[in-house]
Amino acid sequence: MLNGESVIFVAGHLGMVGSAVVSALQKAGHDNIIRAGRDELDLINQSEVEAFFNSQKIDHVVLAAAKVGGIHANNAYPAEFIYQNLMIEANVINSCHQCDVDNLLFLGSSCIYPKLAAQPIKEEYLLTGHLESTNEPYAMAKIVGIKLCESYNRQFGRNYRSVMPTNLYGPNDNFHPEDSHVLPALIRRFHFAREECLEEVIIWGTGTPRREFLHVDDLASACVFMMGLDSEMLSKSVQPMLSHINIGTGDDHSIAEIAEIIASVTGYEGGLSYDPSKPDGTPRKKLDVSLINSLGWESKIAFEDGIESTYQWFIENIECYRGS
């Protein structure tokens, strides 16, 4: 269980999730945080990961490192998405075990669930249907991560926990014009559409799919909560082979509604249209978060407030994205 003396390794500390987790841990009074950037540690390289763990005295690991991207990136680079994510999680989780690290928190994704899962999506729906084809390789890798954690728990008595956040957004997100997820992509497009006085913004798909979004600071608070949760209490709520826990808000919006909110926040006053020739992805993806709510955690950041603060962060860092 997490305490003030715990030494914590946050894998992926420079990413959107990892940086938020580091901040949340520090705010909670945890200062013994180990960080290692890609120039110091290649998580895809097994020997490097093993040597790193052997050189450290680690009590807890937060596995937030991953190769991530939107529909375009997942379609264009399926091999990279499955290979890199499989290697990262296998290397880190196995090295935790080899070096007798009992506590690990694995960050997955809500894309692990079937494309046509009943709504809201319960944890028990895992592996009950076909995945969304556009991100199947990434989803498969994340499912393997869950099962790795469960397997080490069952065989060796480890405390490796998995959380499945819904769609995330917030500071340090990827605002690349092609490789980003839908929300940062829309923030970028509407901002530059306003700057360039464009009469219309065309959005991929029909605008009808519904998505749930969680601010990354809410996810970070949930991660700290899960790390501090008593193992005995948690064992009463999850099963050995169904141990992952959903994290979300319990609310969703259509892509059209989200586009209108972002247009308003960014000050864009032109028209919106939709391109149905582009993929919609999963029709709806809303998580059932009753389990984590019953354990004592709930999200706090309202969607529009989160969009406004994310847009302010984008403006403050805009030179990194202008022209890309």
C-alpha atoms as a PDB file:
ATOM      1  CA  MET A   1       0.000   0.000   0.000  1.00  0.00           C
ATOM      2  CA  LEU A   2       1.209   3.511  -0.821  1.00  0.00           C
ATOM      3  CA  ASN A   3       2.728   5.573   1.996  1.00  0.00           C
ATOM      4  CA  GLY A   4       4.899   8.653   2.446  1.00  0.00           C
ATOM      5  CA  GLU A   5       8.138   6.660   2.288  1.00  0.00           C
ATOM      6  CA  SER A   6       7.262   4.770  -0.904  1.00  0.00           C
ATOM      7  CA  VAL A   7       9.694   5.008  -3.823  1.00  0.00           C
ATOM      8  CA  ILE A   8       7.598   5.349  -6.980  1.00  0.00           C
ATOM      9  CA  PHE A   9       8.709   4.906 -10.584  1.00  0.00           C
ATOM     10  CA  VAL A  10       6.418   6.660 -13.065  1.00  0.00           C
ATOM     11  CA  ALA A  11       7.046   5.200 -16.511  1.00  0.00           C
ATOM     12  CA  GLY A  12       6.097   7.774 -19.137  1.00  0.00           C
ATOM     13  CA  HIS A  13       6.449  10.780 -16.820  1.00  0.00           C
ATOM     14  CA  LEU A  14       6.758  13.259 -19.707  1.00  0.00           C
ATOM     15  CA  GLY A  15       3.470  12.266 -21.352  1.00  0.00           C
ATOM     16  CA  MET A  16       0.035  13.709 -20.677  1.00  0.00           C
ATOM     17  CA  VAL A  17      -0.934  10.992 -18.188  1.00  0.00           C
ATOM     18  CA  GLY A  18       2.471  10.471 -16.605  1.00  0.00           C
ATOM     19  CA  SER A  19       3.091  14.170 -15.976  1.00  0.00           C
ATOM     20  CA  ALA A  20      -0.348  14.544 -14.396  1.00  0.00           C
ATOM     21  CA  VAL A  21       0.273  11.507 -12.159  1.00  0.00           C
ATOM     22  CA  VAL A  22       3.621  12.941 -11.022  1.00  0.00           C
ATOM     23  CA  SER A  23       1.915  16.236 -10.115  1.00  0.00           C
ATOM     24  CA  ALA A  24      -0.888  14.451  -8.250  1.00  0.00           C
ATOM     25  CA  LEU A  25       1.600  12.326  -6.301  1.00  0.00           C
ATOM     26  CA  GLN A  26       3.608  15.399  -5.342  1.00  0.00           C
ATOM     27  CA  LYS A  27       0.467  17.220  -4.200  1.00  0.00           C
ATOM     28  CA  ALA A  28      -0.353  14.191  -2.045  1.00  0.00           C
ATOM     29  CA  GLY A  29       3.062  14.463  -0.379  1.00  0.00           C
ATOM     30  CA  HIS A  30       4.974  11.790  -2.288  1.00  0.00           C
ATOM     31  CA  ASP A  31       8.425  13.095  -3.170  1.00  0.00           C
ATOM     32  CA  ASN A  32      10.354   9.865  -3.790  1.00  0.00           C
ATOM     33  CA  ILE A  33       9.523   9.722  -7.480  1.00  0.00           C
ATOM     34  CA  ILE A  34      11.885   8.128 -10.013  1.00  0.00           C
ATOM     35  CA  ARG A  35      11.750   9.391 -13.594  1.00  0.00           C
ATOM     36  CA  ALA A  36      13.551   8.182 -16.702  1.00  0.00           C
ATOM     37  CA  GLY A  37      13.091   9.744 -20.149  1.00  0.00           C
ATOM     38  CA  ARG A  38      13.476   7.886 -23.445  1.00  0.00           C
ATOM     39  CA  ASP A  39      17.072   9.069 -23.767  1.00  0.00           C
ATOM     40  CA  GLU A  40      17.827   7.337 -20.451  1.00  0.00           C
ATOM     41  CA  LEU A  41      15.639   4.247 -20.729  1.00  0.00           C
ATOM     42  CA  ASP A  42      14.166   2.537 -23.780  1.00  0.00           C
ATOM     43  CA  LEU A  43      11.190   0.625 -22.394  1.00  0.00           C
ATOM     44  CA  ILE A  44      11.009  -1.466 -25.577  1.00  0.00           C
ATOM     45  CA  ASN A  45      14.498  -2.845 -24.863  1.00  0.00           C
ATOM     46  CA  GLN A  46      14.266  -5.750 -22.432  1.00  0.00           C
ATOM     47  CA  SER A  47      17.887  -5.672 -21.272  1.00  0.00           C
ATOM     48  CA  GLU A  48      17.748  -1.920 -20.605  1.00  0.00           C
ATOM     49  CA  VAL A  49      14.561  -2.275 -18.567  1.00  0.00           C
ATOM     50  CA  GLU A  50      15.963  -5.174 -16.551  1.00  0.00           C
ATOM     51  CA  ALA A  51      19.204  -3.269 -15.842  1.00  0.00           C
ATOM     52  CA  PHE A  52      17.242  -0.179 -14.784  1.00  0.00           C
ATOM     53  CA  PHE A  53      15.086  -2.095 -12.300  1.00  0.00           C
ATOM     54  CA  ASN A  54      18.128  -3.896 -10.915  1.00  0.00           C
ATOM     55  CA  SER A  55      19.806  -0.533 -10.279  1.00  0.00           C
ATOM     56  CA  GLN A  56      16.865   0.944  -8.341  1.00  0.00           C
ATOM     57  CA  LYS A  57      15.013   0.245  -5.122  1.00  0.00           C
ATOM     58  CA  ILE A  58      11.374   0.663  -6.201  1.00  0.00           C
ATOM     59  CA  ASP A  59       8.214   0.125  -4.156  1.00  0.00           C
ATOM     60  CA  HIS A  60       5.529   1.169  -6.640  1.00  0.00           C
ATOM     61  CA  VAL A  61       5.368   1.492 -10.432  1.00  0.00           C
ATOM     62  CA  VAL A  62       2.872   3.508 -12.450  1.00  0.00           C
ATOM     63  CA  LEU A  63       2.940   2.211 -16.023  1.00  0.00           C
ATOM     64  CA  ALA A  64       1.694   5.220 -17.989  1.00  0.00           C
ATOM     65  CA  ALA A  65       4.103   4.834 -20.908  1.00  0.00           C
ATOM     66  CA  ALA A  66       2.494   3.820 -24.194  1.00  0.00           C
ATOM     67  CA  LYS A  67       2.362   4.532 -27.902  1.00  0.00           C
ATOM     68  CA  VAL A  68      -0.948   6.332 -28.427  1.00  0.00           C
ATOM     69  CA  GLY A  69      -2.779   8.123 -31.227  1.00  0.00           C
ATOM     70  CA  GLY A  70      -6.099   8.789 -32.907  1.00  0.00           C
ATOM     71  CA  ILE A  71      -7.965   6.930 -35.666  1.00  0.00           C
ATOM     72  CA  HIS A  72      -5.549   8.030 -38.408  1.00  0.00           C
ATOM     73  CA  ALA A  73      -2.445   6.976 -36.478  1.00  0.00           C
ATOM     74  CA  ASN A  74      -3.947   3.632 -35.446  1.00  0.00           C
ATOM     75  CA  ASN A  75      -4.944   2.905 -39.055  1.00  0.00           C
ATOM     76  CA  ALA A  76      -1.587   3.947 -40.469  1.00  0.00           C
ATOM     77  CA  TYR A  77       0.749   2.255 -37.964  1.00  0.00           C
ATOM     78  CA  PRO A  78      -0.965  -0.879 -36.585  1.00  0.00           C
ATOM     79  CA  ALA A  79       2.278  -2.864 -36.301  1.00  0.00           C
ATOM     80  CA  GLU A  80       3.974  -0.146 -34.256  1.00  0.00           C
ATOM     81  CA  PHE A  81       0.956   0.172 -31.980  1.00  0.00           C
ATOM     82  CA  ILE A  82       0.744  -3.505 -31.087  1.00  0.00           C
ATOM     83  CA  TYR A  83       4.472  -4.237 -30.981  1.00  0.00           C
ATOM     84  CA  GLN A  84       5.624  -1.231 -28.969  1.00  0.00           C
ATOM     85  CA  ASN A  85       2.820  -1.453 -26.415  1.00  0.00           C
ATOM     86  CA  LEU A  86       3.275  -5.200 -25.956  1.00  0.00           C
ATOM     87  CA  MET A  87       7.003  -4.792 -25.415  1.00  0.00           C
ATOM     88  CA  ILE A  88       6.665  -1.873 -22.990  1.00  0.00           C
ATOM     89  CA  GLU A  89       4.162  -3.609 -20.726  1.00  0.00           C
ATOM     90  CA  ALA A  90       5.834  -7.040 -20.881  1.00  0.00           C
ATOM     91  CA  ASN A  91       9.269  -5.619 -20.064  1.00  0.00           C
ATOM     92  CA  VAL A  92       8.093  -3.411 -17.213  1.00  0.00           C
ATOM     93  CA  ILE A  93       5.693  -5.881 -15.587  1.00  0.00           C
ATOM     94  CA  ASN A  94       8.132  -8.802 -15.766  1.00  0.00           C
ATOM     95  CA  SER A  95      11.001  -6.667 -14.444  1.00  0.00           C
ATOM     96  CA  CYS A  96       8.792  -5.601 -11.544  1.00  0.00           C
ATOM     97  CA  HIS A  97       8.318  -9.241 -10.674  1.00  0.00           C
ATOM     98  CA  GLN A  98      11.977 -10.178 -11.164  1.00  0.00           C
ATOM     99  CA  CYS A  99      13.056  -7.351  -8.850  1.00  0.00           C
ATOM    100  CA  ASP A 100      10.376  -8.139  -6.259  1.00  0.00           C
ATOM    101  CA  VAL A 101       8.337  -4.975  -6.790  1.00  0.00           C
ATOM    102  CA  ASP A 102       4.962  -5.915  -5.347  1.00  0.00           C
ATOM    103  CA  ASN A 103       2.919  -2.874  -6.405  1.00  0.00           C
ATOM    104  CA  LEU A 104       2.135  -1.740  -9.938  1.00  0.00           C
ATOM    105  CA  LEU A 105      -0.634   0.298 -11.544  1.00  0.00           C
ATOM    106  CA  PHE A 106      -1.171  -0.400 -15.254  1.00  0.00           C
ATOM    107  CA  LEU A 107      -2.937   2.250 -17.355  1.00  0.00           C
ATOM    108  CA  GLY A 108      -5.106   0.734 -20.071  1.00  0.00           C
ATOM    109  CA  SER A 109      -7.856   2.199 -22.246  1.00  0.00           C
ATOM    110  CA  SER A 110     -11.598   1.920 -22.724  1.00  0.00           C
ATOM    111  CA  CYS A 111     -10.955   0.741 -26.309  1.00  0.00           C
ATOM    112  CA  ILE A 112     -10.419  -2.752 -24.846  1.00  0.00           C
ATOM    113  CA  TYR A 113     -14.177  -3.291 -24.932  1.00  0.00           C
ATOM    114  CA  PRO A 114     -16.222  -4.671 -27.859  1.00  0.00           C
ATOM    115  CA  LYS A 115     -17.287  -2.178 -30.523  1.00  0.00           C
ATOM    116  CA  LEU A 116     -20.965  -2.871 -29.947  1.00  0.00           C
ATOM    117  CA  ALA A 117     -20.877  -3.361 -26.180  1.00  0.00           C
ATOM    118  CA  ALA A 118     -24.038  -2.552 -24.240  1.00  0.00           C
ATOM    119  CA  GLN A 119     -24.001   0.905 -22.689  1.00  0.00           C
ATOM    120  CA  PRO A 120     -22.771   1.904 -20.192  1.00  0.00           C
ATOM    121  CA  ILE A 121     -19.844  -0.490 -20.473  1.00  0.00           C
ATOM    122  CA  LYS A 122     -19.240  -2.703 -17.458  1.00  0.00           C
ATOM    123  CA  GLU A 123     -15.871  -4.274 -16.653  1.00  0.00           C
ATOM    124  CA  GLU A 124     -17.382  -7.710 -17.243  1.00  0.00           C
ATOM    125  CA  TYR A 125     -17.930  -6.950 -20.958  1.00  0.00           C
ATOM    126  CA  LEU A 126     -14.243  -7.495 -21.691  1.00  0.00           C
ATOM    127  CA  LEU A 127     -13.700 -10.180 -24.388  1.00  0.00           C
ATOM    128  CA  THR A 128     -17.413 -10.606 -25.101  1.00  0.00           C
ATOM    129  CA  GLY A 129     -17.376  -9.316 -28.708  1.00  0.00           C
ATOM    130  CA  HIS A 130     -15.397  -7.922 -31.640  1.00  0.00           C
ATOM    131  CA  LEU A 131     -13.181  -4.889 -31.137  1.00  0.00           C
ATOM    132  CA  GLU A 132     -13.370  -1.686 -33.168  1.00  0.00           C
ATOM    133  CA  SER A 133     -11.213  -2.462 -36.216  1.00  0.00           C
ATOM    134  CA  THR A 134      -9.488   0.923 -36.409  1.00  0.00           C
ATOM    135  CA  ASN A 135      -7.714   0.455 -33.071  1.00  0.00           C
ATOM    136  CA  GLU A 136      -7.765  -3.319 -32.612  1.00  0.00           C
ATOM    137  CA  PRO A 137      -3.936  -3.704 -32.394  1.00  0.00           C
ATOM    138  CA  TYR A 138      -3.690  -1.099 -29.613  1.00  0.00           C
ATOM    139  CA  ALA A 139      -6.692  -2.580 -27.794  1.00  0.00           C
ATOM    140  CA  MET A 140      -5.268  -6.096 -27.996  1.00  0.00           C
ATOM    141  CA  ALA A 141      -2.001  -4.916 -26.461  1.00  0.00           C
ATOM    142  CA  LYS A 142      -3.859  -3.284 -23.580  1.00  0.00           C
ATOM    143  CA  ILE A 143      -5.907  -6.436 -22.982  1.00  0.00           C
ATOM    144  CA  VAL A 144      -2.661  -8.408 -22.779  1.00  0.00           C
ATOM    145  CA  GLY A 145      -1.419  -5.882 -20.197  1.00  0.00           C
ATOM    146  CA  ILE A 146      -4.449  -6.566 -18.002  1.00  0.00           C
ATOM    147  CA  LYS A 147      -3.916 -10.315 -18.299  1.00  0.00           C
ATOM    148  CA  LEU A 148      -0.199  -9.983 -17.527  1.00  0.00           C
ATOM    149  CA  CYS A 149      -1.070  -8.211 -14.289  1.00  0.00           C
ATOM    150  CA  GLU A 150      -3.674 -10.810 -13.394  1.00  0.00           C
ATOM    151  CA  SER A 151      -1.319 -13.685 -14.208  1.00  0.00           C
ATOM    152  CA  TYR A 152       1.487 -12.397 -11.974  1.00  0.00           C
ATOM    153  CA  ASN A 153      -1.061 -11.771  -9.219  1.00  0.00           C
ATOM    154  CA  ARG A 154      -2.465 -15.303  -9.453  1.00  0.00           C
ATOM    155  CA  GLN A 155       0.866 -17.092  -9.746  1.00  0.00           C
ATOM    156  CA  PHE A 156       3.088 -14.976  -7.506  1.00  0.00           C
ATOM    157  CA  GLY A 157       0.729 -13.034  -5.238  1.00  0.00           C
ATOM    158  CA  ARG A 158       1.653  -9.628  -6.653  1.00  0.00           C
ATOM    159  CA  ASN A 159      -0.457  -6.482  -6.259  1.00  0.00           C
ATOM    160  CA  TYR A 160      -0.606  -5.422  -9.913  1.00  0.00           C
ATOM    161  CA  ARG A 161      -3.701  -3.349 -10.579  1.00  0.00           C
ATOM    162  CA  SER A 162      -5.205  -2.185 -13.893  1.00  0.00           C
ATOM    163  CA  VAL A 163      -7.359   0.863 -14.539  1.00  0.00           C
ATOM    164  CA  MET A 164      -9.192   1.569 -17.794  1.00  0.00           C
ATOM    165  CA  PRO A 165      -9.757   5.298 -18.315  1.00  0.00           C
ATOM    166  CA  THR A 166     -12.203   6.627 -20.843  1.00  0.00           C
ATOM    167  CA  ASN A 167     -11.070   9.144 -23.505  1.00  0.00           C
ATOM    168  CA  LEU A 168      -8.625  11.605 -21.941  1.00  0.00           C
ATOM    169  CA  TYR A 169      -7.784  15.250 -22.539  1.00  0.00           C
ATOM    170  CA  GLY A 170      -5.900  18.057 -20.827  1.00  0.00           C
ATOM    171  CA  PRO A 171      -2.448  19.709 -20.585  1.00  0.00           C
ATOM    172  CA  ASN A 172       0.397  17.999 -22.452  1.00  0.00           C
ATOM    173  CA  ASP A 173      -1.995  16.324 -24.882  1.00  0.00           C
ATOM    174  CA  ASN A 174      -0.897  15.660 -28.470  1.00  0.00           C
ATOM    175  CA  PHE A 175      -2.223  18.400 -30.769  1.00  0.00           C
ATOM    176  CA  HIS A 176      -0.585  17.068 -33.951  1.00  0.00           C
ATOM    177  CA  PRO A 177      -2.875  17.632 -36.988  1.00  0.00           C
ATOM    178  CA  GLU A 178      -2.846  13.951 -38.051  1.00  0.00           C
ATOM    179  CA  ASP A 179      -1.840  11.798 -35.083  1.00  0.00           C
ATOM    180  CA  SER A 180      -3.933  13.338 -32.291  1.00  0.00           C
ATOM    181  CA  HIS A 181      -7.177  12.157 -30.740  1.00  0.00           C
ATOM    182  CA  VAL A 182     -10.459  13.829 -31.629  1.00  0.00           C
ATOM    183  CA  LEU A 183     -10.660  16.437 -28.860  1.00  0.00           C
ATOM    184  CA  PRO A 184      -7.164  18.003 -29.150  1.00  0.00           C
ATOM    185  CA  ALA A 185      -7.489  17.762 -32.943  1.00  0.00           C
ATOM    186  CA  LEU A 186     -10.702  19.802 -32.809  1.00  0.00           C
ATOM    187  CA  ILE A 187      -9.217  22.365 -30.427  1.00  0.00           C
ATOM    188  CA  ARG A 188      -6.329  22.912 -32.818  1.00  0.00           C
ATOM    189  CA  ARG A 189      -8.507  23.051 -35.928  1.00  0.00           C
ATOM    190  CA  PHE A 190     -11.025  25.497 -34.492  1.00  0.00           C
ATOM    191  CA  HIS A 191      -8.290  27.743 -33.103  1.00  0.00           C
ATOM    192  CA  PHE A 192      -6.502  28.066 -36.438  1.00  0.00           C
ATOM    193  CA  ALA A 193      -9.826  28.297 -38.307  1.00  0.00           C
ATOM    194  CA  ARG A 194     -10.632  31.359 -36.200  1.00  0.00           C
ATOM    195  CA  GLU A 195      -7.160  32.827 -36.765  1.00  0.00           C
ATOM    196  CA  GLU A 196      -7.431  32.277 -40.532  1.00  0.00           C
ATOM    197  CA  CYS A 197     -11.094  33.420 -40.700  1.00  0.00           C
ATOM    198  CA  LEU A 198     -12.212  30.179 -42.344  1.00  0.00           C
ATOM    199  CA  GLU A 199     -15.897  30.052 -43.219  1.00  0.00           C
ATOM    200  CA  GLU A 200     -16.260  26.356 -42.440  1.00  0.00           C
ATOM    201  CA  VAL A 201     -14.648  23.529 -40.485  1.00  0.00           C
ATOM    202  CA  ILE A 202     -15.183  19.998 -41.818  1.00  0.00           C
ATOM    203  CA  ILE A 203     -15.244  17.263 -39.187  1.00  0.00           C
ATOM    204  CA  TRP A 204     -14.577  13.570 -39.814  1.00  0.00           C
ATOM    205  CA  GLY A 205     -17.590  11.261 -39.709  1.00  0.00           C
ATOM    206  CA  THR A 206     -21.258  11.955 -39.153  1.00  0.00           C
ATOM    207  CA  GLY A 207     -20.998  13.721 -35.800  1.00  0.00           C
ATOM    208  CA  THR A 208     -23.385  11.211 -34.205  1.00  0.00           C
ATOM    209  CA  PRO A 209     -21.000   8.943 -32.241  1.00  0.00           C
ATOM    210  CA  ARG A 210     -21.031   9.650 -28.531  1.00  0.00           C
ATOM    211  CA  ARG A 211     -17.905   9.893 -26.417  1.00  0.00           C
ATOM    212  CA  GLU A 212     -17.120  10.238 -22.741  1.00  0.00           C
ATOM    213  CA  PHE A 213     -14.153  12.442 -21.833  1.00  0.00           C
ATOM    214  CA  LEU A 214     -12.167  12.579 -18.599  1.00  0.00           C
ATOM    215  CA  HIS A 215      -9.753  15.355 -17.711  1.00  0.00           C
ATOM    216  CA  VAL A 216      -6.267  13.951 -17.146  1.00  0.00           C
ATOM    217  CA  ASP A 217      -6.069  15.580 -13.696  1.00  0.00           C
ATOM    218  CA  ASP A 218      -9.142  13.586 -12.677  1.00  0.00           C
ATOM    219  CA  LEU A 219      -7.457  10.418 -13.937  1.00  0.00           C
ATOM    220  CA  ALA A 220      -4.317  11.282 -11.968  1.00  0.00           C
ATOM    221  CA  SER A 221      -6.322  11.688  -8.771  1.00  0.00           C
ATOM    222  CA  ALA A 222      -7.960   8.311  -9.453  1.00  0.00           C
ATOM    223  CA  CYS A 223      -4.529   6.715  -9.903  1.00  0.00           C
ATOM    224  CA  VAL A 224      -3.283   8.039  -6.563  1.00  0.00           C
ATOM    225  CA  PHE A 225      -6.535   6.849  -4.990  1.00  0.00           C
ATOM    226  CA  MET A 226      -6.110   3.352  -6.450  1.00  0.00           C
ATOM    227  CA  MET A 227      -2.480   3.151  -5.341  1.00  0.00           C
ATOM    228  CA  GLY A 228      -3.512   3.931  -1.777  1.00  0.00           C
ATOM    229  CA  LEU A 229      -6.484   1.597  -1.699  1.00  0.00           C
ATOM    230  CA  ASP A 230      -6.268  -1.221   0.810  1.00  0.00           C
ATOM    231  CA  SER A 231      -5.625  -4.568  -0.927  1.00  0.00           C
ATOM    232  CA  GLU A 232      -8.092  -6.443   1.241  1.00  0.00           C
ATOM    233  CA  MET A 233     -10.836  -3.943   0.449  1.00  0.00           C
ATOM    234  CA  LEU A 234     -10.057  -4.114  -3.275  1.00  0.00           C
ATOM    235  CA  SER A 235     -10.029  -7.919  -3.308  1.00  0.00           C
ATOM    236  CA  LYS A 236     -13.642  -7.894  -2.137  1.00  0.00           C
ATOM    237  CA  SER A 237     -14.647  -5.815  -5.186  1.00  0.00           C
ATOM    238  CA  VAL A 238     -12.781  -7.501  -8.056  1.00  0.00           C
ATOM    239  CA  GLN A 239     -12.170 -11.062  -9.221  1.00  0.00           C
ATOM    240  CA  PRO A 240      -8.734 -12.602  -9.921  1.00  0.00           C
ATOM    241  CA  MET A 241      -9.476 -12.851 -13.671  1.00  0.00           C
ATOM    242  CA  LEU A 242     -11.627  -9.720 -13.896  1.00  0.00           C
ATOM    243  CA  SER A 243      -9.580  -7.244 -11.903  1.00  0.00           C
ATOM    244  CA  HIS A 244      -9.509  -4.104 -14.053  1.00  0.00           C
ATOM    245  CA  ILE A 245     -11.491  -1.023 -13.013  1.00  0.00           C
ATOM    246  CA  ASN A 246     -13.132   1.593 -15.237  1.00  0.00           C
ATOM    247  CA  ILE A 247     -12.374   5.279 -14.676  1.00  0.00           C
ATOM    248  CA  GLY A 248     -14.593   7.950 -16.183  1.00  0.00           C
ATOM    249  CA  THR A 249     -17.251  10.554 -15.550  1.00  0.00           C
ATOM    250  CA  GLY A 250     -20.365   8.545 -16.390  1.00  0.00           C
ATOM    251  CA  ASP A 251     -21.449  11.254 -18.893  1.00  0.00           C
ATOM    252  CA  ASP A 252     -21.029  11.425 -22.674  1.00  0.00           C
ATOM    253  CA  HIS A 253     -21.592  13.828 -25.589  1.00  0.00           C
ATOM    254  CA  SER A 254     -22.017  13.459 -29.337  1.00  0.00           C
ATOM    255  CA  ILE A 255     -19.095  14.525 -31.529  1.00  0.00           C
ATOM    256  CA  ALA A 256     -21.371  17.277 -32.886  1.00  0.00           C
ATOM    257  CA  GLU A 257     -22.047  18.568 -29.357  1.00  0.00           C
ATOM    258  CA  ILE A 258     -18.339  18.465 -28.546  1.00  0.00           C
ATOM    259  CA  ALA A 259     -17.505  20.373 -31.738  1.00  0.00           C
ATOM    260  CA  GLU A 260     -20.014  23.088 -30.846  1.00  0.00           C
ATOM    261  CA  ILE A 261     -18.577  23.432 -27.331  1.00  0.00           C
ATOM    262  CA  ILE A 262     -15.027  23.705 -28.666  1.00  0.00           C
ATOM    263  CA  ALA A 263     -16.094  26.209 -31.327  1.00  0.00           C
ATOM    264  CA  SER A 264     -17.626  28.345 -28.580  1.00  0.00           C
ATOM    265  CA  VAL A 265     -14.607  28.087 -26.262  1.00  0.00           C
ATOM    266  CA  THR A 266     -12.150  28.960 -29.054  1.00  0.00           C
ATOM    267  CA  GLY A 267     -14.315  31.800 -30.356  1.00  0.00           C
ATOM    268  CA  TYR A 268     -14.828  30.293 -33.811  1.00  0.00           C
ATOM    269  CA  GLU A 269     -17.979  31.702 -35.446  1.00  0.00           C
ATOM    270  CA  GLY A 270     -17.952  29.943 -38.846  1.00  0.00           C
ATOM    271  CA  GLY A 271     -19.943  26.936 -39.980  1.00  0.00           C
ATOM    272  CA  LEU A 272     -19.559  23.259 -39.125  1.00  0.00           C
ATOM    273  CA  SER A 273     -20.053  20.379 -41.560  1.00  0.00           C
ATOM    274  CA  TYR A 274     -19.398  16.647 -41.449  1.00  0.00           C
ATOM    275  CA  ASP A 275     -17.697  14.205 -43.827  1.00  0.00           C
ATOM    276  CA  PRO A 276     -19.512  10.844 -43.606  1.00  0.00           C
ATOM    277  CA  SER A 277     -16.918   9.241 -45.901  1.00  0.00           C
ATOM    278  CA  LYS A 278     -14.498   9.264 -42.952  1.00  0.00           C
ATOM    279  CA  PRO A 279     -14.771   6.612 -40.204  1.00  0.00           C
ATOM    280  CA  ASP A 280     -16.908   7.249 -37.154  1.00  0.00           C
ATOM    281  CA  GLY A 281     -15.276   4.592 -35.002  1.00  0.00           C
ATOM    282  CA  THR A 282     -17.291   3.021 -32.208  1.00  0.00           C
ATOM    283  CA  PRO A 283     -20.904   4.328 -32.190  1.00  0.00           C
ATOM    284  CA  ARG A 284     -20.896   4.963 -28.457  1.00  0.00           C
ATOM    285  CA  LYS A 285     -18.428   4.456 -25.653  1.00  0.00           C
ATOM    286  CA  LYS A 286     -19.604   5.309 -22.159  1.00  0.00           C
ATOM    287  CA  LEU A 287     -18.150   3.529 -19.159  1.00  0.00           C
ATOM    288  CA  ASP A 288     -20.004   2.190 -16.183  1.00  0.00           C
ATOM    289  CA  VAL A 289     -18.034   3.738 -13.311  1.00  0.00           C
ATOM    290  CA  SER A 290     -20.162   2.411 -10.469  1.00  0.00           C
ATOM    291  CA  LEU A 291     -17.327   0.191  -9.186  1.00  0.00           C
ATOM    292  CA  ILE A 292     -14.760   2.935  -8.630  1.00  0.00           C
ATOM    293  CA  ASN A 293     -17.513   5.224  -7.336  1.00  0.00           C
ATOM    294  CA  SER A 294     -18.458   2.568  -4.784  1.00  0.00           C
ATOM    295  CA  LEU A 295     -14.817   2.407  -3.671  1.00  0.00           C
ATOM    296  CA  GLY A 296     -14.872   6.132  -2.898  1.00  0.00           C
ATOM    297  CA  TRP A 297     -13.665   8.044  -5.980  1.00  0.00           C
ATOM    298  CA  GLU A 298     -15.610  10.333  -8.359  1.00  0.00           C
ATOM    299  CA  SER A 299     -14.541  12.745 -11.095  1.00  0.00           C
ATOM    300  CA  LYS A 300     -14.698  16.451 -10.242  1.00  0.00           C
ATOM    301  CA  ILE A 301     -13.797  18.500 -13.360  1.00  0.00           C
ATOM    302  CA  ALA A 302     -16.801  19.590 -15.447  1.00  0.00           C
ATOM    303  CA  PHE A 303     -16.383  19.035 -19.205  1.00  0.00           C
ATOM    304  CA  GLU A 304     -16.649  22.670 -20.344  1.00  0.00           C
ATOM    305  CA  ASP A 305     -14.327  23.829 -17.554  1.00  0.00           C
ATOM    306  CA  GLY A 306     -11.810  21.215 -18.639  1.00  0.00           C
ATOM    307  CA  ILE A 307     -12.063  22.295 -22.288  1.00  0.00           C
ATOM    308  CA  GLU A 308     -11.452  25.921 -21.329  1.00  0.00           C
ATOM    309  CA  SER A 309      -8.361  25.122 -19.237  1.00  0.00           C
ATOM    310  CA  THR A 310      -7.010  22.783 -21.946  1.00  0.00           C
ATOM    311  CA  TYR A 311      -7.477  25.492 -24.571  1.00  0.00           C
ATOM    312  CA  GLN A 312      -5.613  27.976 -22.379  1.00  0.00           C
ATOM    313  CA  TRP A 313      -2.738  25.495 -22.090  1.00  0.00           C
ATOM    314  CA  PHE A 314      -2.739  25.067 -25.878  1.00  0.00           C
ATOM    315  CA  ILE A 315      -2.555  28.847 -26.382  1.00  0.00           C
ATOM    316  CA  GLU A 316       0.345  29.116 -23.919  1.00  0.00           C
ATOM    317  CA  ASN A 317       2.224  26.407 -25.835  1.00  0.00           C
ATOM    318  CA  ILE A 318       1.021  27.243 -29.334  1.00  0.00           C
ATOM    319  CA  GLU A 319       4.444  27.837 -30.834  1.00  0.00           C
ATOM    320  CA  CYS A 320       5.124  24.116 -30.460  1.00  0.00           C
ATOM    321  CA  TYR A 321       2.212  23.377 -32.818  1.00  0.00           C
ATOM    322  CA  ARG A 322       2.107  26.291 -35.259  1.00  0.00           C
ATOM    323  CA  GLY A 323       3.074  25.101 -38.724  1.00  0.00           C
ATOM    324  CA  SER A 324       3.144  21.389 -37.791  1.00  0.00           C
END
